[in-house]
Protein backbone atom coordinates (compact mmCIF):
# COMPACT_ATOMS: atom_id res chain seq x y z
CA UNK A 1 0.00 0.00 0.00
CA UNK A 2 1.13 3.52 -0.78
CA UNK A 3 0.01 6.38 1.49
CA UNK A 4 0.03 10.14 1.67
CA UNK A 5 0.65 11.21 5.29
CA UNK A 6 -0.02 14.74 6.53
CA UNK A 7 0.74 15.77 10.12
CA UNK A 8 -0.13 19.38 10.95
CA UNK A 9 0.69 20.92 14.34
CA UNK A 10 -0.29 24.49 15.22
CA UNK A 11 0.66 26.37 18.38
CA UNK A 12 -1.24 29.58 19.16
CA UNK A 13 0.32 31.70 21.91
CA UNK A 14 -1.42 34.25 24.11
CA UNK A 15 1.64 36.53 24.01
CA UNK A 16 4.63 36.98 21.73
CA UNK A 17 7.28 34.28 21.73
CA UNK A 18 10.57 36.11 21.28
CA UNK A 19 12.63 33.00 20.55
CA UNK A 20 11.93 29.30 20.12
CA UNK A 21 14.00 26.22 19.40
CA UNK A 22 12.46 22.88 18.38
CA UNK A 23 13.26 19.29 17.44
CA UNK A 24 10.92 17.23 15.25
CA UNK A 25 10.56 13.52 14.49
CA UNK A 26 7.99 13.86 11.71
CA UNK A 27 9.57 12.21 8.68
CA UNK A 28 8.84 8.48 8.38
CA UNK A 29 11.87 6.20 8.58
CA UNK A 30 13.03 3.60 6.12
CA UNK A 31 12.37 0.03 7.27
CA UNK A 32 12.46 -3.49 5.88
CA UNK A 33 8.77 -3.21 4.93
CA UNK A 34 8.59 0.55 4.44
CA UNK A 35 9.96 2.83 1.73
CA UNK A 36 9.87 6.62 2.03
CA UNK A 37 9.13 8.01 -1.45
CA UNK A 38 9.05 11.69 -0.49
CA UNK A 39 9.04 13.76 2.69
CA UNK A 40 8.85 17.48 3.39
CA UNK A 41 8.45 19.64 6.51
CA UNK A 42 7.06 23.17 6.10
CA UNK A 43 7.45 25.75 8.87
CA UNK A 44 5.68 29.05 9.51
CA UNK A 45 7.14 31.46 10.42
CA UNK A 46 10.32 30.64 8.55
CA UNK A 47 13.16 29.62 10.88
CA UNK A 48 16.33 31.63 11.32
CA UNK A 49 18.34 28.40 11.37
CA UNK A 50 17.52 24.82 10.49
CA UNK A 51 19.36 21.48 10.28
CA UNK A 52 18.35 17.93 9.34
CA UNK A 53 20.16 14.85 10.66
CA UNK A 54 19.85 11.24 11.78
CA UNK A 55 19.63 10.74 15.54
CA UNK A 56 21.28 7.95 17.54
CA UNK A 57 18.47 5.50 16.75
CA UNK A 58 18.58 6.19 13.00
CA UNK A 59 15.49 8.40 12.96
CA UNK A 60 15.26 11.26 10.47
CA UNK A 61 14.85 14.39 12.61
CA UNK A 62 14.97 18.13 12.16
CA UNK A 63 16.13 20.98 14.41
CA UNK A 64 15.07 24.60 13.85
CA UNK A 65 15.08 27.93 15.67
CA UNK A 66 12.96 31.08 15.22
CA UNK A 67 14.42 34.37 16.48
CA UNK A 68 11.62 36.75 15.48
CA UNK A 69 8.55 37.49 17.67
CA UNK A 70 5.63 35.24 16.80
CA UNK A 71 2.23 34.31 18.27
CA UNK A 72 1.71 31.24 16.09
CA UNK A 73 3.86 28.31 15.00
CA UNK A 74 2.69 25.90 12.31
CA UNK A 75 4.60 22.74 11.38
CA UNK A 76 3.29 20.65 8.49
CA UNK A 77 4.93 17.35 7.56
CA UNK A 78 3.83 15.70 4.31
CA UNK A 79 5.19 12.34 3.17
CA UNK A 80 4.54 9.58 0.69
CA UNK A 81 5.38 6.10 1.89
CA UNK A 82 4.98 2.58 0.59
CA UNK A 83 4.26 -0.10 3.22
CA UNK A 84 4.52 -3.80 2.43
CA UNK A 85 2.99 -6.57 4.54
CA UNK A 86 5.27 -8.45 6.91
CA UNK A 87 5.92 -12.07 5.96
CA UNK A 88 3.92 -14.61 8.00
CA UNK A 89 5.59 -15.38 11.31
CA UNK A 90 4.75 -18.37 13.48
CA UNK A 91 4.92 -17.36 17.14
CA UNK A 92 5.79 -20.93 18.12
CA UNK A 93 9.04 -20.67 16.13
CA UNK A 94 10.48 -17.90 18.29
CA UNK A 95 13.00 -18.89 20.94
CA UNK A 96 11.84 -19.35 24.52
CA UNK A 97 11.84 -16.14 26.50
CA UNK A 98 14.37 -17.60 28.96
CA UNK A 99 16.77 -18.35 26.12
CA UNK A 100 16.37 -14.85 24.71
CA UNK A 101 17.04 -13.33 28.12
CA UNK A 102 20.18 -15.47 28.38
CA UNK A 103 21.33 -14.24 24.96
CA UNK A 104 20.80 -10.64 26.06
CA UNK A 105 22.74 -11.18 29.30
CA UNK A 106 25.66 -12.72 27.41
CA UNK A 107 25.47 -10.29 24.45
CA UNK A 108 27.77 -12.58 22.52
CA UNK A 109 26.47 -11.75 19.01
CA UNK A 110 25.85 -8.49 17.14
CA UNK A 111 22.06 -8.88 17.08
CA UNK A 112 21.88 -9.35 20.85
CA UNK A 113 24.30 -6.49 21.50
CA UNK A 114 22.10 -4.15 19.47
CA UNK A 115 18.98 -5.28 21.36
CA UNK A 116 20.59 -4.89 24.81
CA UNK A 117 20.15 -1.10 24.77
CA UNK A 118 16.37 -1.61 24.88
CA UNK A 119 16.46 -3.76 28.05
CA UNK A 120 16.95 -0.94 30.53
CA UNK A 121 14.79 1.62 32.29
CA UNK A 122 14.10 4.85 30.45
CA UNK A 123 12.54 8.01 31.93
CA UNK A 124 8.90 7.17 31.11
CA UNK A 125 9.08 3.38 31.58
CA UNK A 126 10.59 3.02 35.07
CA UNK A 127 8.39 0.47 36.78
CA UNK A 128 7.54 -1.06 40.15
CA UNK A 129 7.08 -4.66 41.22
CA UNK A 130 3.44 -4.88 40.12
CA UNK A 131 4.45 -4.53 36.48
CA UNK A 132 6.78 -7.53 36.71
CA UNK A 133 4.07 -9.65 38.33
CA UNK A 134 1.63 -8.62 35.62
CA UNK A 135 4.11 -9.53 32.86
CA UNK A 136 4.96 -12.92 34.35
CA UNK A 137 1.42 -14.23 33.70
CA UNK A 138 2.11 -14.16 29.95
CA UNK A 139 5.48 -15.89 30.20
CA UNK A 140 5.29 -19.31 31.86
CA UNK A 141 8.35 -21.55 31.72
CA UNK A 142 9.39 -22.37 28.16
CA UNK A 143 6.93 -19.98 26.50
CA UNK A 144 8.10 -18.87 23.01
CA UNK A 145 8.83 -15.18 23.33
CA UNK A 146 6.52 -14.01 20.54
CA UNK A 147 3.66 -16.12 21.91
CA UNK A 148 4.13 -14.51 25.31
CA UNK A 149 4.33 -11.02 23.83
CA UNK A 150 1.12 -11.58 21.87
CA UNK A 151 -0.64 -12.74 25.02
CA UNK A 152 0.67 -9.68 26.86
CA UNK A 153 -0.58 -7.38 24.08
CA UNK A 154 -4.09 -8.87 24.25
CA UNK A 155 -4.17 -8.62 28.05
CA UNK A 156 -3.16 -4.95 27.97
CA UNK A 157 -5.90 -4.30 25.41
CA UNK A 158 -8.46 -6.03 27.63
CA UNK A 159 -7.29 -4.62 30.98
CA UNK A 160 -6.54 -0.98 30.11
CA UNK A 161 -9.17 1.54 29.05
CA UNK A 162 -8.42 3.83 26.09
CA UNK A 163 -9.01 7.29 27.57
CA UNK A 164 -7.67 10.57 26.18
CA UNK A 165 -8.44 12.56 29.35
CA UNK A 166 -6.39 10.93 32.12
CA UNK A 167 -2.74 11.23 31.03
CA UNK A 168 -0.33 13.58 29.29
CA UNK A 169 3.05 13.24 27.59
CA UNK A 170 4.90 13.07 30.93
CA UNK A 171 2.75 10.46 32.74
CA UNK A 172 5.02 7.68 34.09
CA UNK A 173 4.17 4.05 33.42
CA UNK A 174 3.52 3.20 37.08
CA UNK A 175 0.75 5.83 37.17
CA UNK A 176 -0.78 4.39 33.98
CA UNK A 177 -0.59 0.93 35.53
CA UNK A 178 -2.44 2.16 38.63
CA UNK A 179 -5.23 3.82 36.63
CA UNK A 180 -5.47 1.03 34.04
CA UNK A 181 -6.16 3.76 31.47
CA UNK A 182 -4.41 5.98 28.96
CA UNK A 183 -3.77 6.59 25.28
CA UNK A 184 -1.74 4.62 22.75
CA UNK A 185 1.52 6.09 24.08
CA UNK A 186 0.71 4.89 27.59
CA UNK A 187 -0.32 1.39 26.52
CA UNK A 188 2.92 1.08 24.56
CA UNK A 189 4.86 2.11 27.68
CA UNK A 190 3.08 -0.58 29.71
CA UNK A 191 4.07 -3.22 27.16
CA UNK A 192 7.68 -2.00 27.12
CA UNK A 193 7.94 -1.92 30.92
CA UNK A 194 6.41 -5.40 31.19
CA UNK A 195 8.92 -6.89 28.75
CA UNK A 196 11.88 -5.14 30.37
CA UNK A 197 10.77 -6.29 33.82
CA UNK A 198 11.57 -9.84 32.67
CA UNK A 199 14.99 -8.90 31.31
CA UNK A 200 13.79 -8.73 27.70
CA UNK A 201 14.18 -6.02 25.06
CA UNK A 202 11.35 -3.78 23.91
CA UNK A 203 11.34 -0.47 22.11
CA UNK A 204 8.85 2.35 21.50
CA UNK A 205 7.59 2.97 17.98
CA UNK A 206 5.83 6.17 16.92
CA UNK A 207 3.89 6.42 13.71
CA UNK A 208 0.49 6.65 12.11
CA UNK A 209 -2.59 4.57 11.36
CA UNK A 210 -4.63 4.45 8.20
CA UNK A 211 -7.27 7.14 8.82
CA UNK A 212 -10.10 5.39 7.01
CA UNK A 213 -9.97 1.57 6.99
CA UNK A 214 -10.91 -0.57 3.98
CA UNK A 215 -14.65 -1.29 3.55
CA UNK A 216 -15.93 -3.74 6.11
CA UNK A 217 -12.98 -3.24 8.48
CA UNK A 218 -13.38 -1.49 11.86
CA UNK A 219 -11.83 1.93 12.38
CA UNK A 220 -8.88 1.66 14.73
CA UNK A 221 -8.44 3.73 17.87
CA UNK A 222 -5.83 6.48 17.60
CA UNK A 223 -6.22 7.11 13.88
CA UNK A 224 -6.86 10.85 14.26
CA UNK A 225 -3.44 11.62 15.73
CA UNK A 226 0.07 10.25 15.73
CA UNK A 227 0.00 6.67 17.00
CA UNK A 228 2.34 4.50 19.05
CA UNK A 229 2.99 0.83 19.72
CA UNK A 230 5.82 -1.33 21.03
CA UNK A 231 8.25 -3.72 19.41
CA UNK A 232 9.85 -6.83 20.95
CA UNK A 233 12.99 -8.72 19.96
CA UNK A 234 11.95 -12.31 19.27
CA UNK A 235 14.78 -14.20 17.56
CA UNK A 236 14.99 -15.78 15.06
CA UNK A 237 11.94 -13.79 13.86
CA UNK A 238 13.55 -10.41 14.59
CA UNK A 239 11.67 -7.39 15.90
CA UNK A 240 7.87 -7.79 16.08
CA UNK A 241 5.66 -4.68 16.29
CA UNK A 242 2.59 -5.03 18.52
CA UNK A 243 -0.25 -2.51 18.85
CA UNK A 244 -1.96 -3.01 22.25
CA UNK A 245 -4.40 -0.15 21.64
CA UNK A 246 -6.03 -2.20 18.88
CA UNK A 247 -4.79 -5.71 19.84
CA UNK A 248 -3.14 -6.32 16.46
CA UNK A 249 0.29 -7.06 15.08
CA UNK A 250 1.32 -3.92 13.19
CA UNK A 251 0.65 -4.35 9.49
CA UNK A 252 0.14 -2.46 6.24
CA UNK A 253 -2.06 0.12 7.95
CA UNK A 254 0.74 1.14 10.34
CA UNK A 255 3.25 3.74 9.10
CA UNK A 256 6.44 3.90 11.18
CA UNK A 257 7.87 7.35 11.92
CA UNK A 258 10.54 6.77 14.58
CA UNK A 259 11.70 4.39 17.29
CA UNK A 260 13.46 4.80 20.62
CA UNK A 261 13.42 3.77 24.28
CA UNK A 262 10.16 5.63 25.02
CA UNK A 263 8.09 8.61 23.89
CA UNK A 264 10.67 11.13 25.11
CA UNK A 265 13.17 9.91 22.50
CA UNK A 266 10.83 10.40 19.55
CA UNK A 267 8.29 13.11 20.42
CA UNK A 268 6.88 14.44 17.12
CA UNK A 269 7.60 18.03 18.16
CA UNK A 270 9.39 19.29 21.24
CA UNK A 271 11.35 22.39 22.20
CA UNK A 272 11.74 25.47 24.39
CA UNK A 273 10.27 28.94 24.01
CA UNK A 274 10.88 32.38 25.53
CA UNK A 275 7.57 34.12 26.23
CA UNK A 276 4.23 32.98 24.92
CA UNK A 277 2.52 32.47 28.29
CA UNK A 278 -0.54 30.19 27.77
CA UNK A 279 -1.02 28.47 24.44
CA UNK A 280 -3.38 26.23 22.47
CA UNK A 281 -2.19 23.24 20.46
CA UNK A 282 -4.07 21.90 17.44
CA UNK A 283 -2.98 18.62 15.82
CA UNK A 284 -4.40 17.03 12.72
CA UNK A 285 -3.28 13.79 11.06
CA UNK A 286 -4.37 12.20 7.79
CA UNK A 287 -3.16 8.89 6.35
CA UNK A 288 -4.72 8.49 2.91
CA UNK A 289 -4.17 5.66 0.42
CA UNK A 290 -2.63 6.82 -2.84
CA UNK A 291 -5.33 7.74 -5.35
CA UNK A 292 -8.03 8.29 -2.71
CA UNK A 293 -9.78 11.64 -2.59
């Protein structure tokens, strides 16, 4: 499937902002099943300085600064991407979770050494003992890792309420776990914390969902904004992307933007401002199949 992706973010400030500096993760990344055909980020007002680079995790990001007074900032990212389906993967063929944990502890091969960095606490996924006990129910002795991760994904979907009113971008995972509620970002953090509590690797994936599903298919939660899910390392199958908000393995309808340890690594737009006082944020996302009106 080929998609046109538009992500528009508008900040309206009550007072002048005299200077602002921002970092964006808005351009989709290349992946084994994803090709970026075109990508452009438009800024208003025009920045005084701007630079594009790859971050540590290989994400395409952009830094810019505005040194003129402004009461509005608009950032529009428009991309064309082609997403291919993942090949079929049999969960039973993944190694047992104990064996994968052993491989991560030993870090004797390149693949394991790369995955090790996603084993450890990160600012938004530090967890307490309850998370580990919750995770253990999906991983009995000898359980293939992907089978356990799929079970965990379905349990999070069943046990946590999708609610856009109870969390924000800084809510820690323990608080989400207490409330049993949150948005896609929070549910992804729960999955990541659960996997890491067992000594396994999991990473945060930001991206987008197809805005309008094919005829006869249900509309997925989170399709009106940037989306998030988590990915687990399940050798020999590699990294498997799981969407607990919708209880599905990420597929052709998921467009990957960036990956990191948690949301803080890949926030679509972050920065600092001088002035501004109160502000209003408006975000609009469209993921449209090529050729659709």
